[in-house]
N, C-alpha and C. Protein backbone atom coordinates (compact mmCIF):
# COMPACT_ATOMS: atom_id res chain seq x y z
N MET A 1 8.68 0.41 4.50
CA MET A 1 7.74 0.58 3.41
C MET A 1 6.38 0.01 3.80
N ASP A 2 6.40 -1.22 4.30
CA ASP A 2 5.15 -1.86 4.70
C ASP A 2 4.45 -1.09 5.82
N LYS A 3 5.24 -0.62 6.78
CA LYS A 3 4.67 0.15 7.90
C LYS A 3 4.02 1.44 7.41
N ALA A 4 4.65 2.09 6.45
CA ALA A 4 4.08 3.34 5.93
C ALA A 4 2.75 3.09 5.23
N ILE A 5 2.67 2.01 4.48
CA ILE A 5 1.42 1.68 3.79
C ILE A 5 0.35 1.25 4.79
N GLU A 6 0.77 0.51 5.79
CA GLU A 6 -0.16 0.00 6.79
C GLU A 6 -0.72 1.10 7.69
N SER A 7 0.14 2.01 8.14
CA SER A 7 -0.31 2.99 9.14
C SER A 7 -0.51 4.41 8.60
N ILE A 8 -0.05 4.70 7.39
CA ILE A 8 -0.14 6.04 6.80
C ILE A 8 0.25 7.11 7.84
N PRO A 9 1.56 7.20 8.13
CA PRO A 9 2.03 8.15 9.15
C PRO A 9 1.95 9.60 8.67
N ASP A 10 2.08 10.53 9.61
CA ASP A 10 2.09 11.95 9.26
C ASP A 10 3.38 12.35 8.56
N LEU A 11 4.46 11.58 8.80
CA LEU A 11 5.77 11.91 8.25
C LEU A 11 6.66 10.67 8.34
N VAL A 12 7.59 10.54 7.40
CA VAL A 12 8.56 9.45 7.42
C VAL A 12 9.96 10.06 7.51
N ILE A 13 10.77 9.52 8.41
CA ILE A 13 12.18 9.87 8.49
C ILE A 13 12.95 8.61 8.13
N SER A 14 13.80 8.71 7.13
CA SER A 14 14.52 7.55 6.64
C SER A 14 16.01 7.85 6.53
N ASP A 15 16.80 6.82 6.72
CA ASP A 15 18.23 6.94 6.44
C ASP A 15 18.42 6.69 4.96
N LEU A 16 19.40 7.31 4.37
CA LEU A 16 19.69 7.09 2.96
C LEU A 16 20.25 5.69 2.73
N MET A 17 21.11 5.25 3.64
CA MET A 17 21.76 3.95 3.49
C MET A 17 21.13 2.94 4.44
N MET A 18 20.42 1.97 3.85
CA MET A 18 19.75 0.92 4.62
C MET A 18 20.08 -0.42 3.96
N PRO A 19 19.96 -1.52 4.69
CA PRO A 19 20.40 -2.82 4.18
C PRO A 19 19.58 -3.40 3.02
N GLU A 20 18.27 -3.43 3.10
CA GLU A 20 17.47 -4.10 2.08
C GLU A 20 17.07 -3.18 0.93
N MET A 21 16.80 -1.94 1.24
CA MET A 21 16.35 -0.97 0.24
C MET A 21 16.90 0.38 0.68
N ASP A 22 17.59 1.08 -0.22
CA ASP A 22 18.12 2.37 0.20
C ASP A 22 17.01 3.41 0.29
N GLY A 23 17.31 4.53 0.91
CA GLY A 23 16.31 5.56 1.13
C GLY A 23 15.74 6.15 -0.14
N VAL A 24 16.56 6.24 -1.18
CA VAL A 24 16.09 6.79 -2.46
C VAL A 24 15.03 5.87 -3.06
N GLU A 25 15.30 4.56 -3.04
CA GLU A 25 14.33 3.61 -3.58
C GLU A 25 13.03 3.64 -2.78
N MET A 26 13.15 3.71 -1.45
CA MET A 26 11.95 3.78 -0.61
C MET A 26 11.16 5.05 -0.90
N CYS A 27 11.87 6.16 -1.04
CA CYS A 27 11.22 7.43 -1.34
C CYS A 27 10.49 7.34 -2.68
N GLU A 28 11.14 6.78 -3.69
CA GLU A 28 10.49 6.62 -5.00
C GLU A 28 9.20 5.81 -4.88
N ARG A 29 9.27 4.72 -4.15
CA ARG A 29 8.09 3.86 -4.01
C ARG A 29 6.97 4.57 -3.25
N LEU A 30 7.33 5.27 -2.18
CA LEU A 30 6.30 5.99 -1.41
C LEU A 30 5.65 7.09 -2.24
N LYS A 31 6.45 7.81 -3.01
CA LYS A 31 5.93 8.93 -3.78
C LYS A 31 5.14 8.49 -5.01
N LYS A 32 5.36 7.26 -5.49
CA LYS A 32 4.61 6.75 -6.64
C LYS A 32 3.32 6.06 -6.23
N ASP A 33 3.19 5.73 -4.97
CA ASP A 33 2.01 5.03 -4.46
C ASP A 33 0.96 6.05 -4.04
N THR A 34 -0.24 5.98 -4.59
CA THR A 34 -1.28 6.96 -4.28
C THR A 34 -1.70 6.93 -2.81
N ARG A 35 -1.45 5.83 -2.13
CA ARG A 35 -1.79 5.75 -0.70
C ARG A 35 -0.81 6.52 0.17
N THR A 36 0.41 6.73 -0.33
CA THR A 36 1.46 7.33 0.50
C THR A 36 2.14 8.55 -0.12
N ASN A 37 1.76 8.93 -1.32
CA ASN A 37 2.50 10.00 -2.00
C ASN A 37 2.36 11.38 -1.34
N HIS A 38 1.43 11.53 -0.44
CA HIS A 38 1.24 12.80 0.25
C HIS A 38 2.09 12.92 1.53
N ILE A 39 2.69 11.82 1.95
CA ILE A 39 3.44 11.79 3.22
C ILE A 39 4.79 12.49 3.05
N PRO A 40 5.07 13.51 3.85
CA PRO A 40 6.39 14.15 3.76
C PRO A 40 7.48 13.18 4.22
N LEU A 41 8.64 13.29 3.59
CA LEU A 41 9.75 12.41 3.90
C LEU A 41 11.02 13.20 4.13
N ILE A 42 11.67 12.93 5.25
CA ILE A 42 12.96 13.54 5.56
C ILE A 42 14.02 12.47 5.44
N MET A 43 15.06 12.76 4.69
CA MET A 43 16.19 11.85 4.53
C MET A 43 17.30 12.27 5.49
N LEU A 44 17.70 11.35 6.36
CA LEU A 44 18.84 11.57 7.25
C LEU A 44 20.01 10.77 6.70
N THR A 45 21.18 11.35 6.68
CA THR A 45 22.31 10.63 6.10
C THR A 45 23.65 11.21 6.51
N ALA A 46 24.66 10.38 6.41
CA ALA A 46 26.03 10.82 6.62
C ALA A 46 26.64 11.26 5.29
N LYS A 47 25.93 11.01 4.20
CA LYS A 47 26.43 11.38 2.87
C LYS A 47 26.18 12.85 2.61
N ALA A 48 27.25 13.62 2.57
CA ALA A 48 27.13 15.07 2.42
C ALA A 48 27.36 15.53 0.98
N ASP A 49 27.58 14.59 0.06
CA ASP A 49 27.89 15.00 -1.30
C ASP A 49 26.65 15.54 -2.02
N ARG A 50 26.89 16.44 -2.92
CA ARG A 50 25.84 17.13 -3.65
C ARG A 50 24.96 16.17 -4.46
N GLU A 51 25.57 15.16 -5.08
CA GLU A 51 24.83 14.22 -5.92
C GLU A 51 23.79 13.44 -5.12
N SER A 52 24.18 12.98 -3.94
CA SER A 52 23.24 12.22 -3.09
C SER A 52 22.07 13.10 -2.66
N LYS A 53 22.40 14.34 -2.31
CA LYS A 53 21.36 15.27 -1.89
C LYS A 53 20.39 15.55 -3.03
N LEU A 54 20.92 15.86 -4.20
CA LEU A 54 20.06 16.16 -5.35
C LEU A 54 19.22 14.95 -5.75
N GLU A 55 19.82 13.75 -5.74
CA GLU A 55 19.07 12.55 -6.10
C GLU A 55 17.90 12.35 -5.14
N SER A 56 18.14 12.54 -3.85
CA SER A 56 17.07 12.37 -2.86
C SER A 56 15.96 13.40 -3.05
N LEU A 57 16.34 14.64 -3.25
CA LEU A 57 15.34 15.70 -3.42
C LEU A 57 14.58 15.53 -4.74
N GLU A 58 15.28 15.12 -5.80
CA GLU A 58 14.61 14.90 -7.09
C GLU A 58 13.66 13.72 -7.04
N THR A 59 13.93 12.77 -6.17
CA THR A 59 13.08 11.60 -6.02
C THR A 59 11.82 11.94 -5.23
N GLY A 60 11.84 13.05 -4.51
CA GLY A 60 10.64 13.46 -3.79
C GLY A 60 10.83 13.69 -2.30
N ALA A 61 12.05 13.50 -1.79
CA ALA A 61 12.29 13.79 -0.38
C ALA A 61 11.99 15.27 -0.13
N ASP A 62 11.35 15.55 0.98
CA ASP A 62 10.99 16.93 1.31
C ASP A 62 12.12 17.67 2.00
N ASP A 63 13.04 16.93 2.59
CA ASP A 63 14.18 17.54 3.26
C ASP A 63 15.32 16.54 3.29
N TYR A 64 16.54 17.04 3.44
CA TYR A 64 17.75 16.23 3.44
C TYR A 64 18.62 16.76 4.56
N ILE A 65 18.81 15.98 5.58
CA ILE A 65 19.56 16.42 6.75
C ILE A 65 20.79 15.55 6.93
N ILE A 66 21.94 16.20 7.03
CA ILE A 66 23.21 15.50 7.12
C ILE A 66 23.57 15.26 8.59
N LYS A 67 24.00 14.02 8.87
CA LYS A 67 24.46 13.65 10.21
C LYS A 67 25.88 14.17 10.42
N PRO A 68 26.26 14.51 11.61
CA PRO A 68 25.40 14.60 12.79
C PRO A 68 24.48 15.80 12.65
N PHE A 69 23.29 15.69 13.21
CA PHE A 69 22.31 16.75 13.08
C PHE A 69 21.90 17.25 14.47
N ASP A 70 21.34 18.43 14.49
CA ASP A 70 20.86 19.04 15.71
C ASP A 70 19.43 18.56 15.94
N ALA A 71 19.16 17.93 17.07
CA ALA A 71 17.83 17.37 17.36
C ALA A 71 16.75 18.43 17.35
N GLU A 72 17.05 19.60 17.87
CA GLU A 72 16.06 20.68 17.89
C GLU A 72 15.72 21.13 16.47
N GLU A 73 16.73 21.21 15.60
CA GLU A 73 16.48 21.57 14.20
C GLU A 73 15.60 20.51 13.53
N LEU A 74 15.88 19.24 13.79
CA LEU A 74 15.06 18.18 13.22
C LEU A 74 13.61 18.31 13.69
N GLU A 75 13.41 18.58 14.96
CA GLU A 75 12.05 18.74 15.50
C GLU A 75 11.32 19.88 14.80
N VAL A 76 12.01 20.99 14.57
CA VAL A 76 11.38 22.13 13.90
C VAL A 76 11.03 21.79 12.46
N ARG A 77 11.93 21.11 11.77
CA ARG A 77 11.65 20.72 10.38
C ARG A 77 10.48 19.75 10.30
N VAL A 78 10.43 18.79 11.22
CA VAL A 78 9.32 17.84 11.28
C VAL A 78 8.01 18.60 11.50
N SER A 79 8.01 19.47 12.48
CA SER A 79 6.82 20.24 12.80
C SER A 79 6.36 21.09 11.60
N ASN A 80 7.30 21.72 10.93
CA ASN A 80 6.96 22.55 9.77
C ASN A 80 6.35 21.73 8.64
N LEU A 81 6.93 20.58 8.35
CA LEU A 81 6.41 19.74 7.27
C LEU A 81 5.01 19.22 7.59
N ILE A 82 4.80 18.82 8.82
CA ILE A 82 3.47 18.34 9.21
C ILE A 82 2.46 19.48 9.16
N GLU A 83 2.85 20.64 9.61
CA GLU A 83 1.96 21.80 9.60
C GLU A 83 1.58 22.19 8.17
N LEU A 84 2.54 22.14 7.26
CA LEU A 84 2.28 22.47 5.85
C LEU A 84 1.23 21.54 5.23
N ARG A 85 1.23 20.29 5.63
CA ARG A 85 0.32 19.30 5.05
C ARG A 85 -1.11 19.43 5.58
N LYS A 86 -1.28 20.20 6.64
CA LYS A 86 -2.63 20.36 7.21
C LYS A 86 -3.53 21.20 6.33
N TYR A 87 -2.95 22.01 5.45
CA TYR A 87 -3.73 22.94 4.65
C TYR A 87 -3.98 22.45 3.27
């Protein structure tokens, strides 16, 4: 969270399950903050259930990718999200 506010990255990739703050909470905070609400966010997770996916997307995640994932697919999704934000 602090790094995103400090550096304003082109994109954030987060795990859904993290020790101090879960990905949904981080996504909510980033999307509510005017300094970071424009940053696309991809949620990576081992949780394949529908509820987790919907909660993440409803919170503002731009994509939800289930582990294990294809690295090339992730690269394409990252590239697409960054490209969309250029316009």
